[in-house]
N, C-alpha and C. Protein backbone atom coordinates (compact mmCIF):
# COMPACT_ATOMS: atom_id res chain seq x y z
N MET A 1 88.34 141.28 107.62
CA MET A 1 89.25 140.63 108.56
C MET A 1 89.81 141.62 109.58
N ASP A 2 90.06 142.87 109.13
CA ASP A 2 90.58 143.87 110.06
C ASP A 2 89.60 144.10 111.20
N THR A 3 88.31 144.20 110.87
CA THR A 3 87.30 144.41 111.90
C THR A 3 87.22 143.21 112.82
N TRP A 4 87.28 142.01 112.25
CA TRP A 4 87.21 140.80 113.05
C TRP A 4 88.42 140.69 113.98
N ASP A 5 89.60 141.01 113.46
CA ASP A 5 90.80 140.98 114.28
C ASP A 5 90.70 141.98 115.43
N PHE A 6 90.12 143.14 115.15
CA PHE A 6 89.96 144.16 116.20
C PHE A 6 89.02 143.66 117.29
N LEU A 7 87.93 143.02 116.89
CA LEU A 7 86.98 142.49 117.87
C LEU A 7 87.62 141.39 118.71
N LYS A 8 88.46 140.57 118.07
CA LYS A 8 89.15 139.52 118.83
C LYS A 8 90.11 140.13 119.84
N GLU A 9 90.75 141.22 119.46
CA GLU A 9 91.66 141.89 120.38
C GLU A 9 90.91 142.47 121.57
N LEU A 10 89.66 142.91 121.34
CA LEU A 10 88.86 143.48 122.42
C LEU A 10 88.46 142.43 123.45
N THR A 11 88.53 141.17 123.08
CA THR A 11 88.22 140.10 124.04
C THR A 11 89.48 139.55 124.70
N ASN A 12 90.62 140.09 124.36
CA ASN A 12 91.90 139.66 124.93
C ASN A 12 92.36 140.72 125.92
N PRO A 13 92.25 140.43 127.23
CA PRO A 13 92.57 141.46 128.24
C PRO A 13 93.98 142.02 128.11
N GLU A 14 94.96 141.15 127.86
CA GLU A 14 96.34 141.61 127.78
C GLU A 14 96.56 142.52 126.58
N SER A 15 95.95 142.17 125.44
CA SER A 15 96.09 142.99 124.24
C SER A 15 95.46 144.36 124.42
N ILE A 16 94.32 144.41 125.11
CA ILE A 16 93.64 145.68 125.35
C ILE A 16 94.57 146.65 126.05
N ILE A 17 95.28 146.17 127.05
CA ILE A 17 96.14 147.05 127.83
C ILE A 17 97.45 147.35 127.10
N ARG A 18 98.04 146.32 126.47
CA ARG A 18 99.32 146.52 125.80
C ARG A 18 99.21 147.47 124.62
N TYR A 19 98.12 147.35 123.84
CA TYR A 19 98.00 148.14 122.61
C TYR A 19 97.14 149.40 122.79
N GLY A 20 96.21 149.34 123.72
CA GLY A 20 95.32 150.50 123.88
C GLY A 20 95.60 151.33 125.10
N GLY A 21 96.39 150.78 126.03
CA GLY A 21 96.75 151.53 127.22
C GLY A 21 95.57 151.81 128.14
N LEU A 22 95.76 152.79 128.99
CA LEU A 22 94.76 153.13 129.99
C LEU A 22 93.45 153.59 129.35
N ALA A 23 93.54 154.33 128.25
CA ALA A 23 92.34 154.87 127.61
C ALA A 23 91.41 153.75 127.14
N LEU A 24 91.97 152.73 126.49
CA LEU A 24 91.14 151.62 126.00
C LEU A 24 90.63 150.78 127.16
N LEU A 25 91.45 150.62 128.19
CA LEU A 25 90.99 149.92 129.39
C LEU A 25 89.74 150.57 129.96
N LEU A 26 89.77 151.89 130.12
CA LEU A 26 88.63 152.61 130.67
C LEU A 26 87.42 152.51 129.75
N PHE A 27 87.65 152.58 128.44
CA PHE A 27 86.54 152.48 127.50
C PHE A 27 85.87 151.11 127.56
N VAL A 28 86.67 150.04 127.65
CA VAL A 28 86.11 148.69 127.68
C VAL A 28 85.30 148.48 128.96
N VAL A 29 85.80 148.97 130.10
CA VAL A 29 85.05 148.86 131.35
C VAL A 29 83.74 149.63 131.23
N PHE A 30 83.80 150.83 130.66
CA PHE A 30 82.58 151.61 130.44
C PHE A 30 81.60 150.86 129.54
N ALA A 31 82.11 150.31 128.44
CA ALA A 31 81.24 149.64 127.46
C ALA A 31 80.60 148.39 128.04
N GLU A 32 81.38 147.62 128.81
CA GLU A 32 80.83 146.37 129.35
C GLU A 32 79.72 146.64 130.36
N THR A 33 79.80 147.77 131.04
CA THR A 33 78.80 148.07 132.07
C THR A 33 77.75 149.06 131.60
N GLY A 34 77.86 149.56 130.36
CA GLY A 34 76.92 150.58 129.94
C GLY A 34 76.31 150.43 128.57
N LEU A 35 76.91 149.61 127.71
CA LEU A 35 76.41 149.45 126.35
C LEU A 35 75.81 148.07 126.17
N LEU A 36 74.75 148.01 125.42
CA LEU A 36 74.00 146.76 125.25
C LEU A 36 74.85 145.64 124.69
N ILE A 37 75.80 145.96 123.83
CA ILE A 37 76.63 144.93 123.20
C ILE A 37 77.89 144.65 124.03
N GLY A 38 78.02 145.26 125.21
CA GLY A 38 79.25 145.14 125.96
C GLY A 38 79.40 143.86 126.75
N PHE A 39 78.37 142.99 126.74
CA PHE A 39 78.42 141.80 127.60
C PHE A 39 79.53 140.84 127.22
N PHE A 40 80.03 140.89 125.97
CA PHE A 40 81.04 139.92 125.54
C PHE A 40 82.46 140.37 125.91
N LEU A 41 82.59 141.55 126.48
CA LEU A 41 83.92 142.08 126.81
C LEU A 41 84.44 141.46 128.11
N PRO A 42 85.76 141.36 128.27
CA PRO A 42 86.35 140.59 129.38
C PRO A 42 86.54 141.42 130.65
N GLY A 43 85.47 141.74 131.34
CA GLY A 43 85.54 142.64 132.49
C GLY A 43 86.42 142.16 133.62
N ASP A 44 86.11 141.01 134.22
CA ASP A 44 86.84 140.54 135.39
C ASP A 44 88.32 140.30 135.10
N SER A 45 88.61 139.55 134.05
CA SER A 45 90.01 139.25 133.74
C SER A 45 90.77 140.51 133.33
N LEU A 46 90.09 141.45 132.67
CA LEU A 46 90.73 142.70 132.28
C LEU A 46 91.15 143.51 133.50
N ILE A 47 90.27 143.61 134.47
CA ILE A 47 90.59 144.39 135.67
C ILE A 47 91.69 143.72 136.48
N PHE A 48 91.63 142.40 136.57
CA PHE A 48 92.69 141.65 137.26
C PHE A 48 94.04 141.90 136.60
N ILE A 49 94.09 141.79 135.29
CA ILE A 49 95.35 141.98 134.56
C ILE A 49 95.81 143.42 134.62
N SER A 50 94.89 144.36 134.67
CA SER A 50 95.29 145.77 134.80
C SER A 50 96.04 145.99 136.11
N GLY A 51 95.61 145.30 137.18
CA GLY A 51 96.33 145.39 138.45
C GLY A 51 97.72 144.79 138.33
N MET A 52 97.84 143.65 137.63
CA MET A 52 99.14 143.01 137.43
C MET A 52 100.08 143.92 136.65
N MET A 53 99.57 144.50 135.56
CA MET A 53 100.42 145.33 134.71
C MET A 53 100.76 146.65 135.38
N CYS A 54 99.92 147.09 136.27
CA CYS A 54 100.23 148.28 137.05
C CYS A 54 101.41 147.98 137.99
N ALA A 55 101.37 146.81 138.62
CA ALA A 55 102.46 146.41 139.53
C ALA A 55 103.78 146.26 138.78
N ARG A 56 103.71 145.83 137.52
CA ARG A 56 104.93 145.61 136.73
C ARG A 56 105.37 146.85 135.96
N GLY A 57 104.61 147.94 136.07
CA GLY A 57 104.99 149.18 135.42
C GLY A 57 104.58 149.29 133.96
N ILE A 58 103.85 148.28 133.44
CA ILE A 58 103.39 148.34 132.05
C ILE A 58 102.32 149.42 131.89
N ILE A 59 101.47 149.54 132.91
CA ILE A 59 100.56 150.69 132.98
C ILE A 59 101.26 151.74 133.83
N ASP A 60 101.61 152.85 133.21
CA ASP A 60 102.38 153.88 133.90
C ASP A 60 101.46 154.80 134.70
N THR A 61 100.68 154.18 135.57
CA THR A 61 99.75 154.91 136.44
C THR A 61 99.76 154.26 137.81
N PRO A 62 99.98 155.02 138.88
CA PRO A 62 99.96 154.42 140.22
C PRO A 62 98.62 153.75 140.51
N VAL A 63 98.66 152.68 141.29
CA VAL A 63 97.43 151.92 141.56
C VAL A 63 96.40 152.77 142.28
N TYR A 64 96.84 153.72 143.12
CA TYR A 64 95.89 154.56 143.84
C TYR A 64 95.19 155.57 142.93
N ILE A 65 95.72 155.74 141.71
CA ILE A 65 95.03 156.56 140.70
C ILE A 65 94.26 155.67 139.74
N LEU A 66 94.86 154.51 139.41
CA LEU A 66 94.21 153.58 138.49
C LEU A 66 92.84 153.15 139.01
N ILE A 67 92.77 152.76 140.27
CA ILE A 67 91.51 152.24 140.83
C ILE A 67 90.38 153.28 140.75
N PRO A 68 90.57 154.53 141.20
CA PRO A 68 89.49 155.51 141.06
C PRO A 68 89.07 155.77 139.61
N LEU A 69 90.04 155.74 138.69
CA LEU A 69 89.71 155.97 137.28
C LEU A 69 88.83 154.85 136.73
N VAL A 70 89.18 153.62 137.06
CA VAL A 70 88.40 152.48 136.57
C VAL A 70 87.02 152.46 137.25
N ILE A 71 86.97 152.80 138.53
CA ILE A 71 85.68 152.91 139.22
C ILE A 71 84.81 153.95 138.53
N LEU A 72 85.40 155.08 138.17
CA LEU A 72 84.64 156.13 137.48
C LEU A 72 84.09 155.63 136.16
N ALA A 73 84.91 154.85 135.41
CA ALA A 73 84.44 154.29 134.13
C ALA A 73 83.28 153.34 134.35
N ALA A 74 83.36 152.52 135.41
CA ALA A 74 82.28 151.56 135.71
C ALA A 74 81.01 152.28 136.15
N VAL A 75 81.16 153.32 136.95
CA VAL A 75 79.99 154.09 137.43
C VAL A 75 79.31 154.81 136.27
N THR A 76 80.09 155.48 135.42
CA THR A 76 79.49 156.20 134.30
C THR A 76 78.90 155.23 133.28
N GLY A 77 79.51 154.05 133.15
CA GLY A 77 78.94 153.03 132.27
C GLY A 77 77.56 152.62 132.73
N ASN A 78 77.40 152.39 134.02
CA ASN A 78 76.09 152.03 134.56
C ASN A 78 75.07 153.15 134.39
N ILE A 79 75.52 154.39 134.53
CA ILE A 79 74.62 155.53 134.34
C ILE A 79 74.12 155.55 132.89
N ALA A 80 75.04 155.32 131.95
CA ALA A 80 74.64 155.27 130.54
C ALA A 80 73.63 154.15 130.30
N GLY A 81 73.88 152.97 130.92
CA GLY A 81 72.94 151.86 130.78
C GLY A 81 71.59 152.18 131.38
N TYR A 82 71.58 152.85 132.53
CA TYR A 82 70.34 153.22 133.20
C TYR A 82 69.49 154.14 132.31
N TRP A 83 70.11 155.17 131.77
CA TRP A 83 69.33 156.11 130.95
C TRP A 83 68.93 155.52 129.61
N PHE A 84 69.73 154.59 129.11
CA PHE A 84 69.32 153.85 127.91
C PHE A 84 68.07 153.04 128.20
N GLY A 85 68.05 152.38 129.36
CA GLY A 85 66.88 151.60 129.74
C GLY A 85 65.65 152.46 129.94
N ARG A 86 65.82 153.63 130.54
CA ARG A 86 64.67 154.53 130.73
C ARG A 86 64.10 154.99 129.40
N ARG A 87 65.00 155.22 128.44
CA ARG A 87 64.54 155.73 127.15
C ARG A 87 63.89 154.63 126.30
N VAL A 88 64.51 153.46 126.28
CA VAL A 88 64.00 152.36 125.45
C VAL A 88 62.78 151.72 126.08
N GLY A 89 62.84 151.50 127.41
CA GLY A 89 61.69 150.97 128.13
C GLY A 89 61.30 149.57 127.71
N PRO A 90 60.01 149.26 127.78
CA PRO A 90 59.51 147.91 127.50
C PRO A 90 59.83 147.40 126.09
N ALA A 91 60.13 148.31 125.16
CA ALA A 91 60.43 147.87 123.79
C ALA A 91 61.61 146.92 123.76
N LEU A 92 62.49 147.02 124.77
CA LEU A 92 63.65 146.15 124.81
C LEU A 92 63.25 144.69 124.93
N PHE A 93 62.15 144.41 125.63
CA PHE A 93 61.71 143.03 125.83
C PHE A 93 61.04 142.46 124.57
N LYS A 94 60.69 143.32 123.63
CA LYS A 94 60.06 142.87 122.39
C LYS A 94 61.07 142.71 121.26
N ARG A 95 62.31 143.04 121.55
CA ARG A 95 63.34 142.99 120.52
C ARG A 95 63.64 141.54 120.14
N ASP A 96 63.77 141.29 118.83
CA ASP A 96 64.07 139.94 118.34
C ASP A 96 65.52 139.57 118.63
N ASP A 97 65.75 138.27 118.77
CA ASP A 97 67.11 137.79 118.96
C ASP A 97 67.96 138.08 117.73
N SER A 98 69.23 138.35 117.96
CA SER A 98 70.17 138.56 116.86
C SER A 98 71.45 137.83 117.21
N LEU A 99 72.47 138.01 116.38
CA LEU A 99 73.75 137.34 116.62
C LEU A 99 74.34 137.77 117.96
N ILE A 100 74.13 139.02 118.35
CA ILE A 100 74.70 139.55 119.59
C ILE A 100 73.68 139.56 120.72
N PHE A 101 72.49 140.06 120.44
CA PHE A 101 71.49 140.20 121.50
C PHE A 101 70.61 138.95 121.59
N LYS A 102 70.46 138.43 122.80
CA LYS A 102 69.56 137.32 123.05
C LYS A 102 68.57 137.74 124.14
N LYS A 103 67.30 137.53 123.87
CA LYS A 103 66.28 137.97 124.81
C LYS A 103 66.44 137.30 126.17
N ARG A 104 66.99 136.08 126.19
CA ARG A 104 67.13 135.37 127.46
C ARG A 104 68.10 136.09 128.41
N TYR A 105 69.03 136.88 127.84
CA TYR A 105 69.96 137.60 128.70
C TYR A 105 69.20 138.57 129.61
N ILE A 106 68.31 139.32 129.03
CA ILE A 106 67.60 140.32 129.83
C ILE A 106 66.49 139.68 130.66
N GLU A 107 65.93 138.57 130.18
CA GLU A 107 64.92 137.85 130.97
C GLU A 107 65.56 137.27 132.23
N THR A 108 66.76 136.70 132.09
CA THR A 108 67.47 136.18 133.25
C THR A 108 67.80 137.30 134.22
N THR A 109 68.23 138.43 133.67
CA THR A 109 68.55 139.58 134.52
C THR A 109 67.30 140.09 135.24
N ARG A 110 66.18 140.13 134.54
CA ARG A 110 64.95 140.61 135.16
C ARG A 110 64.54 139.70 136.32
N SER A 111 64.62 138.38 136.12
CA SER A 111 64.28 137.45 137.19
C SER A 111 65.23 137.61 138.37
N PHE A 112 66.52 137.77 138.07
CA PHE A 112 67.53 137.99 139.11
C PHE A 112 67.23 139.28 139.87
N TYR A 113 66.86 140.29 139.13
CA TYR A 113 66.56 141.60 139.73
C TYR A 113 65.31 141.54 140.61
N GLU A 114 64.29 140.81 140.15
CA GLU A 114 63.05 140.69 140.93
C GLU A 114 63.30 140.02 142.27
N ARG A 115 64.25 139.10 142.31
CA ARG A 115 64.53 138.38 143.55
C ARG A 115 65.44 139.17 144.49
N HIS A 116 66.36 139.94 143.93
CA HIS A 116 67.35 140.60 144.76
C HIS A 116 67.16 142.11 144.87
N GLY A 117 66.25 142.69 144.11
CA GLY A 117 66.02 144.13 144.18
C GLY A 117 67.25 144.91 143.77
N GLY A 118 67.44 146.08 144.42
CA GLY A 118 68.56 146.93 144.08
C GLY A 118 69.91 146.28 144.32
N LYS A 119 69.96 145.28 145.22
CA LYS A 119 71.22 144.58 145.47
C LYS A 119 71.74 143.88 144.22
N ALA A 120 70.85 143.65 143.25
CA ALA A 120 71.28 143.03 142.00
C ALA A 120 72.35 143.87 141.32
N LEU A 121 72.31 145.18 141.53
CA LEU A 121 73.30 146.07 140.92
C LEU A 121 74.67 145.89 141.56
N ILE A 122 74.70 145.46 142.83
CA ILE A 122 75.97 145.17 143.50
C ILE A 122 76.43 143.75 143.18
N LEU A 123 75.54 142.78 143.41
CA LEU A 123 75.88 141.38 143.12
C LEU A 123 76.18 141.17 141.65
N GLY A 124 75.41 141.87 140.80
CA GLY A 124 75.58 141.70 139.36
C GLY A 124 76.92 142.16 138.84
N ARG A 125 77.60 143.04 139.58
CA ARG A 125 78.93 143.48 139.15
C ARG A 125 79.89 142.31 139.00
N PHE A 126 79.67 141.26 139.76
CA PHE A 126 80.57 140.11 139.74
C PHE A 126 80.07 139.01 138.81
N LEU A 127 79.02 139.29 138.03
CA LEU A 127 78.44 138.30 137.13
C LEU A 127 78.39 138.85 135.71
N PRO A 128 79.21 138.30 134.79
CA PRO A 128 79.12 138.73 133.39
C PRO A 128 77.69 138.59 132.87
N ILE A 129 77.35 139.37 131.89
CA ILE A 129 76.02 139.46 131.27
C ILE A 129 75.08 140.23 132.20
N ILE A 130 74.86 139.73 133.42
CA ILE A 130 74.02 140.47 134.36
C ILE A 130 74.62 141.82 134.64
N ARG A 131 75.96 141.89 134.68
CA ARG A 131 76.65 143.16 134.90
C ARG A 131 76.26 144.19 133.83
N THR A 132 76.05 143.73 132.61
CA THR A 132 75.69 144.62 131.52
C THR A 132 74.21 145.01 131.55
N PHE A 133 73.35 144.04 131.85
CA PHE A 133 71.92 144.29 131.71
C PHE A 133 71.23 144.82 132.96
N ALA A 134 71.83 144.64 134.14
CA ALA A 134 71.19 145.10 135.38
C ALA A 134 70.94 146.60 135.39
N PRO A 135 71.90 147.47 135.03
CA PRO A 135 71.60 148.90 135.02
C PRO A 135 70.57 149.29 133.97
N ILE A 136 70.59 148.58 132.84
CA ILE A 136 69.59 148.86 131.80
C ILE A 136 68.19 148.55 132.33
N LEU A 137 68.08 147.41 133.02
CA LEU A 137 66.79 147.02 133.58
C LEU A 137 66.34 147.98 134.67
N ALA A 138 67.30 148.49 135.46
CA ALA A 138 66.97 149.48 136.49
C ALA A 138 66.34 150.71 135.85
N GLY A 139 66.83 151.08 134.68
CA GLY A 139 66.24 152.20 133.95
C GLY A 139 64.87 151.86 133.39
N VAL A 140 64.72 150.64 132.90
CA VAL A 140 63.42 150.21 132.35
C VAL A 140 62.33 150.29 133.41
N ILE A 141 62.63 149.82 134.63
CA ILE A 141 61.62 149.83 135.69
C ILE A 141 61.59 151.16 136.44
N ARG A 142 62.44 152.11 136.00
CA ARG A 142 62.49 153.47 136.57
C ARG A 142 62.78 153.47 138.06
N LEU A 143 63.81 152.71 138.44
CA LEU A 143 64.29 152.74 139.82
C LEU A 143 64.71 154.17 140.16
N ASP A 144 64.38 154.61 141.38
CA ASP A 144 64.76 155.96 141.81
C ASP A 144 66.25 156.18 141.56
N PHE A 145 66.59 157.28 140.90
CA PHE A 145 67.96 157.49 140.45
C PHE A 145 68.94 157.60 141.62
N ARG A 146 68.53 158.24 142.72
CA ARG A 146 69.43 158.35 143.87
C ARG A 146 69.72 156.97 144.48
N LYS A 147 68.70 156.14 144.55
CA LYS A 147 68.90 154.79 145.06
C LYS A 147 69.78 153.99 144.09
N PHE A 148 69.52 154.18 142.80
CA PHE A 148 70.34 153.51 141.78
C PHE A 148 71.80 153.90 141.92
N MET A 149 72.08 155.18 142.14
CA MET A 149 73.46 155.64 142.24
C MET A 149 74.16 155.05 143.46
N TRP A 150 73.43 154.88 144.55
CA TRP A 150 74.05 154.29 145.74
C TRP A 150 74.53 152.88 145.44
N TYR A 151 73.64 152.07 144.85
CA TYR A 151 74.01 150.70 144.49
C TYR A 151 75.09 150.70 143.41
N ASN A 152 75.00 151.61 142.48
CA ASN A 152 75.94 151.72 141.39
C ASN A 152 77.36 151.95 141.91
N VAL A 153 77.52 152.96 142.76
CA VAL A 153 78.84 153.29 143.28
C VAL A 153 79.37 152.19 144.20
N ALA A 154 78.51 151.67 145.07
CA ALA A 154 78.95 150.61 146.00
C ALA A 154 79.43 149.38 145.23
N GLY A 155 78.67 148.97 144.21
CA GLY A 155 79.06 147.81 143.42
C GLY A 155 80.36 148.03 142.67
N ALA A 156 80.53 149.23 142.10
CA ALA A 156 81.74 149.53 141.34
C ALA A 156 82.97 149.52 142.24
N VAL A 157 82.84 150.12 143.43
CA VAL A 157 83.98 150.17 144.36
C VAL A 157 84.39 148.75 144.78
N LEU A 158 83.43 147.91 145.14
CA LEU A 158 83.74 146.55 145.57
C LEU A 158 84.36 145.73 144.44
N TRP A 159 83.77 145.81 143.27
CA TRP A 159 84.22 145.02 142.13
C TRP A 159 85.61 145.43 141.66
N ILE A 160 85.78 146.71 141.37
CA ILE A 160 87.05 147.19 140.83
C ILE A 160 88.18 147.05 141.85
N THR A 161 87.92 147.46 143.07
CA THR A 161 88.99 147.43 144.09
C THR A 161 89.48 146.00 144.34
N SER A 162 88.54 145.06 144.48
CA SER A 162 88.93 143.69 144.80
C SER A 162 89.73 143.06 143.67
N PHE A 163 89.27 143.17 142.43
CA PHE A 163 89.97 142.53 141.31
C PHE A 163 91.29 143.22 140.99
N THR A 164 91.32 144.55 141.07
CA THR A 164 92.56 145.27 140.77
C THR A 164 93.65 144.97 141.79
N LEU A 165 93.29 145.02 143.07
CA LEU A 165 94.29 144.76 144.11
C LEU A 165 94.75 143.31 144.10
N LEU A 166 93.85 142.39 143.76
CA LEU A 166 94.25 140.99 143.65
C LEU A 166 95.32 140.83 142.58
N GLY A 167 95.08 141.44 141.42
CA GLY A 167 96.08 141.39 140.35
C GLY A 167 97.35 142.13 140.71
N TYR A 168 97.20 143.25 141.41
CA TYR A 168 98.36 144.07 141.77
C TYR A 168 99.32 143.31 142.69
N PHE A 169 98.78 142.65 143.69
CA PHE A 169 99.64 141.97 144.66
C PHE A 169 100.17 140.62 144.15
N LEU A 170 99.51 140.08 143.12
CA LEU A 170 100.01 138.84 142.53
C LEU A 170 100.91 139.11 141.32
N GLY A 171 100.91 140.36 140.86
CA GLY A 171 101.57 140.68 139.59
C GLY A 171 103.06 140.45 139.54
N ASN A 172 103.73 140.50 140.65
CA ASN A 172 105.18 140.34 140.66
C ASN A 172 105.63 138.92 141.02
N ILE A 173 104.69 138.01 141.14
CA ILE A 173 105.04 136.62 141.41
C ILE A 173 105.42 135.94 140.09
N PRO A 174 106.63 135.41 139.96
CA PRO A 174 107.08 134.84 138.68
C PRO A 174 106.15 133.78 138.12
N TRP A 175 105.63 132.89 138.98
CA TRP A 175 104.75 131.83 138.49
C TRP A 175 103.51 132.42 137.84
N VAL A 176 102.97 133.47 138.42
CA VAL A 176 101.78 134.12 137.87
C VAL A 176 102.10 134.73 136.51
N GLN A 177 103.26 135.38 136.40
CA GLN A 177 103.65 135.99 135.13
C GLN A 177 103.82 134.95 134.02
N LYS A 178 104.40 133.79 134.37
CA LYS A 178 104.65 132.76 133.36
C LYS A 178 103.37 132.05 132.93
N ASN A 179 102.37 132.05 133.78
CA ASN A 179 101.13 131.31 133.49
C ASN A 179 99.93 132.23 133.33
N LEU A 180 100.19 133.43 132.81
CA LEU A 180 99.12 134.43 132.69
C LEU A 180 97.97 133.94 131.82
N GLY A 181 98.30 133.26 130.72
CA GLY A 181 97.25 132.76 129.83
C GLY A 181 96.31 131.79 130.53
N TYR A 182 96.88 130.89 131.32
CA TYR A 182 96.06 129.93 132.06
C TYR A 182 95.23 130.63 133.13
N ILE A 183 95.81 131.66 133.73
CA ILE A 183 95.08 132.40 134.76
C ILE A 183 93.87 133.10 134.16
N VAL A 184 94.04 133.66 132.97
CA VAL A 184 92.92 134.32 132.29
C VAL A 184 91.81 133.32 132.00
N ILE A 185 92.20 132.15 131.48
CA ILE A 185 91.20 131.11 131.20
C ILE A 185 90.49 130.70 132.48
N PHE A 186 91.26 130.55 133.57
CA PHE A 186 90.68 130.18 134.86
C PHE A 186 89.69 131.25 135.33
N LEU A 187 90.05 132.52 135.18
CA LEU A 187 89.16 133.61 135.59
C LEU A 187 87.87 133.60 134.78
N ILE A 188 88.00 133.33 133.49
CA ILE A 188 86.81 133.27 132.64
C ILE A 188 85.89 132.14 133.10
N ILE A 189 86.49 130.99 133.42
CA ILE A 189 85.69 129.84 133.86
C ILE A 189 84.99 130.12 135.17
N ILE A 190 85.73 130.65 136.15
CA ILE A 190 85.13 130.85 137.48
C ILE A 190 84.10 131.98 137.48
N THR A 191 84.18 132.88 136.48
CA THR A 191 83.14 133.91 136.40
C THR A 191 81.94 133.42 135.60
N LEU A 192 82.15 132.45 134.71
CA LEU A 192 81.03 131.91 133.95
C LEU A 192 80.21 130.91 134.77
N VAL A 193 80.87 130.19 135.68
CA VAL A 193 80.16 129.20 136.50
C VAL A 193 79.00 129.82 137.27
N PRO A 194 79.21 130.93 138.02
CA PRO A 194 78.07 131.52 138.72
C PRO A 194 77.00 132.07 137.78
N VAL A 195 77.40 132.49 136.57
CA VAL A 195 76.40 132.96 135.60
C VAL A 195 75.49 131.81 135.19
N ILE A 196 76.09 130.66 134.90
CA ILE A 196 75.31 129.48 134.51
C ILE A 196 74.42 129.04 135.66
N GLN A 197 74.98 129.04 136.89
CA GLN A 197 74.18 128.65 138.05
C GLN A 197 73.03 129.62 138.28
N THR A 198 73.31 130.91 138.12
CA THR A 198 72.26 131.92 138.28
C THR A 198 71.17 131.74 137.24
N TRP A 199 71.57 131.51 135.99
CA TRP A 199 70.61 131.31 134.91
C TRP A 199 69.71 130.11 135.20
N ARG A 200 70.31 129.01 135.68
CA ARG A 200 69.54 127.80 135.99
C ARG A 200 68.59 128.05 137.16
N LYS A 201 69.07 128.74 138.20
CA LYS A 201 68.23 129.03 139.36
C LYS A 201 67.06 129.93 138.98
N GLU A 202 67.35 130.95 138.18
CA GLU A 202 66.29 131.88 137.80
C GLU A 202 65.25 131.19 136.91
N ARG A 203 65.72 130.30 136.02
CA ARG A 203 64.78 129.57 135.16
C ARG A 203 63.92 128.63 135.99
N LYS A 204 64.56 127.97 136.98
CA LYS A 204 63.80 127.07 137.85
C LYS A 204 62.80 127.85 138.70
N HIS A 205 63.25 129.00 139.20
CA HIS A 205 62.36 129.83 140.02
C HIS A 205 61.16 130.31 139.18
N LYS A 206 61.43 130.66 137.93
CA LYS A 206 60.36 131.13 137.06
C LYS A 206 59.35 130.03 136.77
N LYS A 207 59.84 128.78 136.61
CA LYS A 207 58.93 127.65 136.35
C LYS A 207 58.07 127.35 137.57
N ASN A 208 58.68 127.47 138.74
CA ASN A 208 57.94 127.18 139.99
C ASN A 208 57.02 128.32 140.41
N ASN A 209 57.28 129.51 139.86
CA ASN A 209 56.45 130.68 140.22
C ASN A 209 56.01 131.40 138.94
N PRO A 210 55.15 130.77 138.16
CA PRO A 210 54.76 131.35 136.87
C PRO A 210 53.95 132.64 137.07
């Protein structure tokens, strides 16, 4: 139960920051963008709430320092995912489904990547699941590392800056503070909708272009 409770806390953005502070925040961002099992972590809502808590002083770090630190965590996470993909290679596509890993996750990412090229690393930052698997796939196909880094940094800057500042400037609004739980649920929904749409489009595209 202790392990299960810990995993549940890792999916709760507010708990991550309240109990783990800046260090756990950076680790979760790194894990979601760099570790194979990180896709279930709450990236978008976590970054939004980190901006809110920074504005309210719960995170005792100025926003102009917080943003570069979180960007660094996201960039290094993608680098870890890239080199994992280079090392594992095609064997990843032969891996059996498990409770955590589903082959369709990486198949959807591969189809998305084939259509959008390196831009998938930027667009994918705003899409859960694809955010986790896009850098791994870039390593699998051995995308030039310098080109990968350009997309990696650009995507991290856009993603982290936009969500953190949105939370930061809304953080002191009383209505937002009172309805934080609903806002988190709303963020989860609006980030899942494009994932579902992307998955459906990629599956349809694959059927029409076998």
